[in-house]
Amino acid sequence: MAGNALQIVGLGASTPIGRNVWASAAAARAGVSGFSEHPYMVDTAGEPMRIARAPWLAVGLDGSARLGALLLPAIEEALAPLTELAGNLSLRIGLALGLPPPRPGQPDALVDDLLVAIRERMGNRFVRIARFEVGHAAGHMAMAAAEAGCARDAFDACVVAGIDSYLAPETLEWVEACDQLHGGGPLNNAWGFIPGEAAGAVLLGTPRLAQLCGIAPLAELVSVGIGMESRLIKTGEVCVGEGLTQAFRAALQGLAPGEQVHNVYCDLNGEPYRADEFGFATLRTGERFRAASDFVAPADCWGDVGAAGSLLHVALAVIACRKRYANGPLSMVWGSSESGERGAVLVRCAEPAGG
């Protein structure tokens, strides 16, 4: 591992297929489906909407209460390696949040209410909190902010977390009105996505932190790339992946000459727009991938989870290496926001004990 790269020292998750990160990863690896029929929302064909929801949460729980019930346990799980040390060390911990963008069904005060819930549950644990409300690529932007914050010594560690839920009734109606809701009937869109909900969290720390706390790092954050796409989904313009290519190239600068990415994790969700832009981006950068077409897209298990996806995908990449079913130690995780933001991160996993 590089001597000055940020290290991944903790993981957390709450998903439709698992209440913690290890259960979620095991279920995703097994191909377990979290899809179900909505108990009362029907589509324009009169069929129950297909969704992926956290089954332990009441259907009527909504707004910040629902998102908080997913997010807070994920943050606490990621923080667990530092919890026992809290009384012995004075650690400065930041929090960078990836959040959904404003959209129908989302309360105006959602983000403020979530921050209140975090402070009520965790007190003044976080010395700084940053938020990125752009959906799918929000986690990548949050990881870039965490990297910058540690580099300028603003904190010793940073929890990067993402949270999203498409399951508010008004949000589901909006997804369908945009012709993005997946359905199998003749009046449905077979190329839409399954609305999901989830939270993911990653604890990043400096090498000094891991050494001071005696924590064995799980992986290192090699590099982060951010891009911007001008040809957006739902505009009718043909996207040729320029923004995603920009993000890929920026992240791939962290590789040594001739080095290739072994694994790809992404937020492909069945929509042709996303598949097309990924295809164009890999045409331009394919020589840096061992097999770019051999990707993992967990939306087929937990649906489209928006701003939570990038952190969950990082966790899957790390756990795949720890469990020795990855194709190699180097993974790329990329995401594509509807508002144009594009993100890509490279993660290099540590050698498992005894490996």
Protein backbone atom coordinates (compact mmCIF):
# COMPACT_ATOMS: atom_id res chain seq x y z
CA MET A 1 0.00 0.00 0.00
CA ALA A 2 1.10 3.55 -0.68
CA GLY A 3 2.52 5.29 2.35
CA ASN A 4 0.31 8.38 2.27
CA ALA A 5 -2.95 7.07 0.77
CA LEU A 6 -6.10 7.23 2.85
CA GLN A 7 -6.98 3.86 4.31
CA ILE A 8 -10.36 2.20 4.61
CA VAL A 9 -10.67 1.03 8.20
CA GLY A 10 -14.42 0.55 8.64
CA LEU A 11 -17.55 -0.35 6.64
CA GLY A 12 -21.28 -0.09 7.28
CA ALA A 13 -24.54 -0.74 5.43
CA SER A 14 -28.30 -1.08 5.65
CA THR A 15 -29.90 -2.52 2.50
CA PRO A 16 -33.06 -4.38 1.41
CA ILE A 17 -31.05 -7.61 1.57
CA GLY A 18 -29.16 -7.11 4.83
CA ARG A 19 -29.18 -5.07 8.02
CA ASN A 20 -25.38 -4.75 8.11
CA VAL A 21 -22.55 -4.64 5.63
CA TRP A 22 -21.44 -8.29 5.86
CA ALA A 23 -24.96 -9.66 5.54
CA SER A 24 -25.64 -7.35 2.58
CA ALA A 25 -22.42 -8.40 0.83
CA ALA A 26 -23.11 -12.09 1.36
CA ALA A 27 -26.65 -11.73 0.00
CA ALA A 28 -25.46 -9.75 -3.01
CA ARG A 29 -22.78 -12.35 -3.71
CA ALA A 30 -25.47 -15.07 -3.60
CA GLY A 31 -27.75 -13.09 -5.92
CA VAL A 32 -30.50 -12.74 -3.32
CA SER A 33 -33.31 -10.50 -4.59
CA GLY A 34 -34.79 -7.84 -2.35
CA PHE A 35 -37.62 -7.09 -4.79
CA SER A 36 -41.24 -7.15 -3.69
CA GLU A 37 -44.60 -5.73 -4.66
CA HIS A 38 -45.58 -2.44 -3.08
CA PRO A 39 -48.47 -3.09 -0.68
CA TYR A 40 -50.66 -0.31 -2.11
CA MET A 41 -48.94 1.66 -4.93
CA VAL A 42 -49.99 0.53 -8.42
CA ASP A 43 -48.64 1.57 -11.80
CA THR A 44 -50.60 2.88 -14.79
CA ALA A 45 -51.17 -0.69 -15.96
CA GLY A 46 -52.94 -1.42 -12.67
CA GLU A 47 -50.19 -3.70 -11.38
CA PRO A 48 -48.44 -3.34 -7.99
CA MET A 49 -45.22 -1.36 -8.34
CA ARG A 50 -42.08 -3.46 -7.96
CA ILE A 51 -39.73 -2.04 -5.34
CA ALA A 52 -36.79 -3.04 -3.14
CA ARG A 53 -37.42 -1.97 0.44
CA ALA A 54 -35.83 -2.65 3.81
CA PRO A 55 -38.30 -5.26 5.11
CA TRP A 56 -37.78 -4.45 8.80
CA LEU A 57 -39.03 -0.87 8.35
CA ALA A 58 -42.75 -0.17 8.43
CA VAL A 59 -44.17 0.84 5.06
CA GLY A 60 -45.67 3.97 6.64
CA LEU A 61 -42.35 5.21 8.02
CA ASP A 62 -41.30 8.03 5.72
CA GLY A 63 -39.23 11.17 5.30
CA SER A 64 -36.22 11.79 7.54
CA ALA A 65 -37.39 9.11 9.99
CA ARG A 66 -37.08 6.41 7.32
CA LEU A 67 -33.75 7.63 6.00
CA GLY A 68 -32.40 8.03 9.51
CA ALA A 69 -33.39 4.47 10.39
CA LEU A 70 -31.20 3.30 7.51
CA LEU A 71 -28.35 5.79 7.84
CA LEU A 72 -27.58 5.89 11.56
CA PRO A 73 -26.87 2.15 11.99
CA ALA A 74 -24.64 2.19 8.91
CA ILE A 75 -22.58 5.09 10.29
CA GLU A 76 -22.28 3.39 13.68
CA GLU A 77 -21.17 0.15 12.05
CA ALA A 78 -18.46 1.95 10.07
CA LEU A 79 -17.31 3.75 13.22
CA ALA A 80 -17.08 0.54 15.25
CA PRO A 81 -13.26 0.20 14.93
CA LEU A 82 -12.87 3.55 16.69
CA THR A 83 -15.67 3.22 19.23
CA GLU A 84 -13.60 1.41 21.87
CA LEU A 85 -10.86 4.02 21.52
CA ALA A 86 -13.11 7.05 21.91
CA GLY A 87 -12.35 7.45 25.61
CA ASN A 88 -8.59 7.07 25.24
CA LEU A 89 -7.81 9.14 22.16
CA SER A 90 -8.87 12.59 21.09
CA LEU A 91 -9.69 11.95 17.46
CA ARG A 92 -11.04 14.53 15.03
CA ILE A 93 -13.62 12.80 12.86
CA GLY A 94 -15.38 14.37 9.90
CA LEU A 95 -18.61 13.30 8.20
CA ALA A 96 -19.22 13.64 4.45
CA LEU A 97 -22.75 12.78 3.36
CA GLY A 98 -23.98 11.75 -0.07
CA LEU A 99 -27.67 12.60 -0.39
CA PRO A 100 -30.47 12.52 -2.95
CA PRO A 101 -31.19 15.68 -4.94
CA PRO A 102 -34.40 17.65 -4.33
CA ARG A 103 -37.26 15.81 -6.05
CA PRO A 104 -41.00 15.13 -5.67
CA GLY A 105 -41.83 13.30 -2.46
CA GLN A 106 -38.80 14.61 -0.61
CA PRO A 107 -39.56 16.93 2.34
CA ASP A 108 -37.95 20.36 2.09
CA ALA A 109 -36.35 19.93 5.51
CA LEU A 110 -35.12 16.38 4.89
CA VAL A 111 -31.40 17.10 5.10
CA ASP A 112 -31.69 19.41 8.10
CA ASP A 113 -33.80 16.80 9.91
CA LEU A 114 -31.22 14.11 9.17
CA LEU A 115 -28.43 16.27 10.57
CA VAL A 116 -30.48 16.84 13.73
CA ALA A 117 -30.99 13.07 14.07
CA ILE A 118 -27.25 12.47 13.66
CA ARG A 119 -26.42 14.99 16.38
CA GLU A 120 -29.08 13.60 18.71
CA ARG A 121 -27.72 10.06 18.29
CA MET A 122 -23.99 10.83 18.20
CA GLY A 123 -23.61 14.16 19.94
CA ASN A 124 -20.61 16.19 18.83
CA ARG A 125 -18.74 13.17 17.47
CA PHE A 126 -18.08 14.93 14.14
CA VAL A 127 -15.97 18.07 14.05
CA ARG A 128 -17.11 18.90 10.50
CA ILE A 129 -20.02 17.81 8.34
CA ALA A 130 -20.24 18.27 4.57
CA ARG A 131 -23.17 17.30 2.37
CA PHE A 132 -23.52 16.60 -1.33
CA GLU A 133 -27.09 16.48 -2.66
CA VAL A 134 -26.59 15.10 -6.17
CA GLY A 135 -27.70 11.47 -6.01
CA HIS A 136 -25.65 8.66 -7.55
CA ALA A 137 -22.27 10.44 -7.74
CA ALA A 138 -22.68 12.16 -4.36
CA GLY A 139 -20.61 9.52 -2.58
CA HIS A 140 -17.71 10.04 -4.96
CA MET A 141 -17.81 13.78 -4.30
CA ALA A 142 -17.95 13.06 -0.57
CA MET A 143 -14.89 10.79 -0.83
CA ALA A 144 -13.01 13.52 -2.69
CA ALA A 145 -13.91 15.97 0.10
CA ALA A 146 -12.75 13.50 2.75
CA GLU A 147 -9.47 13.02 0.93
CA ALA A 148 -8.95 16.78 0.73
CA GLY A 149 -9.88 17.28 4.39
CA CYS A 150 -7.40 14.69 5.62
CA ALA A 151 -4.72 16.11 3.32
CA ARG A 152 -5.03 19.56 4.90
CA ASP A 153 -5.18 18.03 8.40
CA ALA A 154 -8.77 19.14 9.07
CA PHE A 155 -9.47 15.77 10.74
CA ASP A 156 -7.82 12.42 11.48
CA ALA A 157 -10.60 10.29 10.00
CA CYS A 158 -13.77 10.80 8.04
CA VAL A 159 -16.96 8.79 7.74
CA VAL A 160 -18.21 8.97 4.16
CA ALA A 161 -21.84 7.90 4.07
CA GLY A 162 -24.62 7.78 1.48
CA ILE A 163 -28.36 7.51 1.99
CA ASP A 164 -31.31 7.37 -0.40
CA SER A 165 -34.84 6.06 -0.75
CA TYR A 166 -37.13 6.25 -3.75
CA LEU A 167 -40.08 4.77 -1.86
CA ALA A 168 -42.15 7.84 -0.94
CA PRO A 169 -45.44 7.56 -2.90
CA GLU A 170 -44.91 10.92 -4.63
CA THR A 171 -41.39 9.86 -5.62
CA LEU A 172 -42.63 6.59 -7.09
CA GLU A 173 -45.29 8.45 -9.08
CA TRP A 174 -42.61 10.84 -10.35
CA VAL A 175 -40.32 7.96 -11.39
CA GLU A 176 -43.19 6.44 -13.36
CA ALA A 177 -44.16 9.81 -14.88
CA CYS A 178 -40.57 10.09 -16.14
CA ASP A 179 -40.98 6.63 -17.77
CA GLN A 180 -38.24 5.18 -15.57
CA LEU A 181 -40.23 2.69 -13.50
CA HIS A 182 -39.47 -0.90 -14.42
CA GLY A 183 -42.40 -3.14 -15.27
CA GLY A 184 -43.00 -6.20 -17.42
CA GLY A 185 -46.43 -5.44 -18.86
CA PRO A 186 -47.17 -4.00 -22.32
CA LEU A 187 -47.92 -0.60 -20.79
CA ASN A 188 -44.76 -0.66 -18.67
CA ASN A 189 -41.12 0.17 -19.34
CA ALA A 190 -39.03 -3.00 -19.41
CA TRP A 191 -35.89 -0.80 -19.48
CA GLY A 192 -36.70 1.16 -16.32
CA PHE A 193 -35.31 0.58 -12.86
CA ILE A 194 -36.52 -0.93 -9.59
CA PRO A 195 -36.75 1.85 -6.95
CA GLY A 196 -34.77 0.92 -3.86
CA GLU A 197 -33.48 2.33 -0.60
CA ALA A 198 -30.27 1.84 1.36
CA ALA A 199 -27.44 3.42 3.30
CA GLY A 200 -23.73 2.77 3.01
CA ALA A 201 -20.76 4.07 4.99
CA VAL A 202 -16.97 3.89 4.79
CA LEU A 203 -14.54 5.04 7.48
CA LEU A 204 -11.43 6.60 5.95
CA GLY A 205 -8.34 7.33 8.02
CA THR A 206 -4.78 8.46 7.58
CA PRO A 207 -1.98 5.89 7.88
CA ARG A 208 -1.02 7.65 11.12
CA LEU A 209 -4.51 7.04 12.51
CA ALA A 210 -4.41 3.32 11.73
CA GLN A 211 -0.98 3.01 13.31
CA LEU A 212 -1.96 5.04 16.38
CA CYS A 213 -5.12 3.03 16.94
CA GLY A 214 -3.64 -0.34 16.06
CA ILE A 215 -6.20 -0.91 13.29
CA ALA A 216 -5.33 -3.15 10.36
CA PRO A 217 -6.59 -1.32 7.22
CA LEU A 218 -8.97 -3.18 4.94
CA ALA A 219 -7.95 -1.28 1.80
CA GLU A 220 -6.66 2.04 0.55
CA LEU A 221 -8.33 4.78 -1.44
CA VAL A 222 -5.98 5.08 -4.43
CA SER A 223 -7.61 8.00 -6.25
CA VAL A 224 -10.89 9.80 -6.93
CA GLY A 225 -12.00 11.20 -10.28
CA ILE A 226 -14.89 13.61 -10.81
CA GLY A 227 -16.41 14.52 -14.18
CA MET A 228 -19.39 16.44 -15.53
CA GLU A 229 -21.71 15.31 -18.34
CA SER A 230 -23.59 17.89 -20.40
CA ARG A 231 -25.82 15.44 -22.34
CA LEU A 232 -28.22 14.41 -19.62
CA ILE A 233 -30.71 11.60 -19.28
CA LYS A 234 -34.34 12.54 -20.00
CA THR A 235 -33.28 15.32 -22.39
CA GLY A 236 -33.26 13.29 -25.61
CA GLU A 237 -29.60 14.14 -26.29
CA VAL A 238 -27.27 11.32 -27.22
CA CYS A 239 -24.72 10.76 -24.45
CA VAL A 240 -21.34 9.49 -25.62
CA GLY A 241 -19.86 9.23 -22.14
CA GLU A 242 -17.65 12.30 -22.12
CA GLY A 243 -18.29 13.11 -18.46
CA LEU A 244 -17.78 9.52 -17.32
CA THR A 245 -14.60 9.32 -19.40
CA GLN A 246 -13.34 12.43 -17.63
CA ALA A 247 -13.98 10.80 -14.25
CA PHE A 248 -12.36 7.53 -15.36
CA ARG A 249 -9.22 9.22 -16.66
CA ALA A 250 -8.82 11.29 -13.51
CA ALA A 251 -9.10 8.23 -11.29
CA LEU A 252 -6.88 6.08 -13.51
CA GLN A 253 -4.03 8.54 -13.06
CA GLY A 254 -3.52 6.86 -9.70
CA LEU A 255 -2.30 3.68 -11.41
CA ALA A 256 1.27 2.79 -12.22
CA PRO A 257 2.17 2.51 -15.92
CA GLY A 258 0.72 -0.70 -17.35
CA GLU A 259 -1.32 -1.47 -14.24
CA GLN A 260 -4.92 -2.60 -14.83
CA VAL A 261 -8.17 -2.55 -12.87
CA HIS A 262 -9.32 -6.04 -11.85
CA ASN A 263 -12.91 -5.38 -10.75
CA VAL A 264 -15.63 -2.88 -11.68
CA TYR A 265 -18.62 -2.00 -9.47
CA CYS A 266 -21.24 0.40 -10.77
CA ASP A 267 -24.79 1.74 -10.60
CA LEU A 268 -26.03 0.33 -13.90
CA ASN A 269 -29.74 -0.21 -13.26
CA GLY A 270 -31.21 -1.44 -16.55
CA GLU A 271 -31.56 1.96 -18.23
CA PRO A 272 -29.96 2.06 -21.71
CA TYR A 273 -28.61 5.58 -21.13
CA ARG A 274 -26.28 4.37 -18.38
CA ALA A 275 -25.15 1.33 -20.33
CA ASP A 276 -24.39 3.45 -23.38
CA GLU A 277 -22.26 5.98 -21.54
CA PHE A 278 -20.32 3.21 -19.81
CA GLY A 279 -19.68 1.57 -23.17
CA PHE A 280 -18.33 4.79 -24.65
CA ALA A 281 -16.16 5.49 -21.61
CA THR A 282 -14.59 2.04 -21.68
CA LEU A 283 -13.91 2.33 -25.41
CA ARG A 284 -11.65 5.27 -24.56
CA THR A 285 -10.00 3.76 -21.48
CA GLY A 286 -10.33 0.00 -22.01
CA GLU A 287 -6.59 -0.67 -21.96
CA ARG A 288 -6.57 0.14 -18.22
CA PHE A 289 -9.11 -2.62 -17.41
CA ARG A 290 -8.49 -6.34 -17.25
CA ALA A 291 -12.07 -6.91 -18.46
CA ALA A 292 -14.31 -3.84 -18.27
CA SER A 293 -17.35 -5.86 -19.36
CA ASP A 294 -16.98 -8.13 -16.32
CA PHE A 295 -18.69 -5.70 -13.94
CA VAL A 296 -20.84 -6.03 -10.82
CA ALA A 297 -24.11 -4.05 -10.75
CA PRO A 298 -25.97 -4.89 -7.52
CA ALA A 299 -29.13 -3.04 -8.61
CA ASP A 300 -30.33 -6.50 -9.65
CA CYS A 301 -30.46 -7.36 -5.92
CA TRP A 302 -31.32 -4.16 -4.04
CA GLY A 303 -32.68 -1.93 -6.80
CA ASP A 304 -31.45 1.53 -7.65
CA VAL A 305 -30.23 3.01 -4.35
CA GLY A 306 -29.14 6.40 -5.65
CA ALA A 307 -26.74 8.26 -3.37
CA ALA A 308 -26.07 5.16 -1.24
CA GLY A 309 -24.68 3.16 -4.15
CA SER A 310 -21.07 4.30 -4.33
CA LEU A 311 -20.32 3.57 -0.66
CA LEU A 312 -22.06 0.20 -0.85
CA HIS A 313 -20.07 -0.66 -3.96
CA VAL A 314 -16.81 0.22 -2.22
CA ALA A 315 -17.83 -2.08 0.62
CA LEU A 316 -18.60 -4.91 -1.81
CA ALA A 317 -15.21 -4.46 -3.48
CA VAL A 318 -13.39 -4.63 -0.14
CA ILE A 319 -15.34 -7.62 1.14
CA ALA A 320 -14.87 -9.51 -2.14
CA CYS A 321 -11.13 -9.25 -1.61
CA ARG A 322 -11.34 -10.20 2.05
CA LYS A 323 -13.39 -13.26 1.10
CA ARG A 324 -11.07 -14.05 -1.83
CA TYR A 325 -13.64 -14.08 -4.62
CA ALA A 326 -12.50 -10.86 -6.30
CA ASN A 327 -10.57 -11.02 -9.58
CA GLY A 328 -7.71 -9.10 -7.97
CA PRO A 329 -6.99 -6.36 -5.40
CA LEU A 330 -7.70 -3.28 -7.55
CA SER A 331 -11.31 -2.15 -8.06
CA MET A 332 -13.02 0.80 -9.72
CA VAL A 333 -16.35 2.05 -8.40
CA TRP A 334 -18.20 4.50 -10.63
CA GLY A 335 -21.51 6.35 -10.54
CA SER A 336 -23.64 8.61 -12.73
CA SER A 337 -25.98 11.32 -11.42
CA GLU A 338 -28.97 12.48 -13.45
CA SER A 339 -27.84 16.10 -12.99
CA GLY A 340 -24.55 15.37 -14.78
CA GLU A 341 -22.05 14.65 -12.01
CA ARG A 342 -19.87 11.61 -12.64
CA GLY A 343 -17.58 9.89 -10.17
CA ALA A 344 -14.99 7.13 -10.18
CA VAL A 345 -12.79 5.87 -7.36
CA LEU A 346 -10.01 3.30 -7.29
CA VAL A 347 -9.68 1.06 -4.25
CA ARG A 348 -6.78 -1.28 -3.57
CA CYS A 349 -7.51 -3.99 -1.06
CA ALA A 350 -5.12 -5.21 1.59
CA GLU A 351 -3.95 -8.80 1.57
CA PRO A 352 -6.21 -10.84 3.88
CA ALA A 353 -4.55 -12.27 6.96
CA GLY A 354 -2.93 -15.57 6.12
CA GLY A 355 -3.05 -14.82 2.36
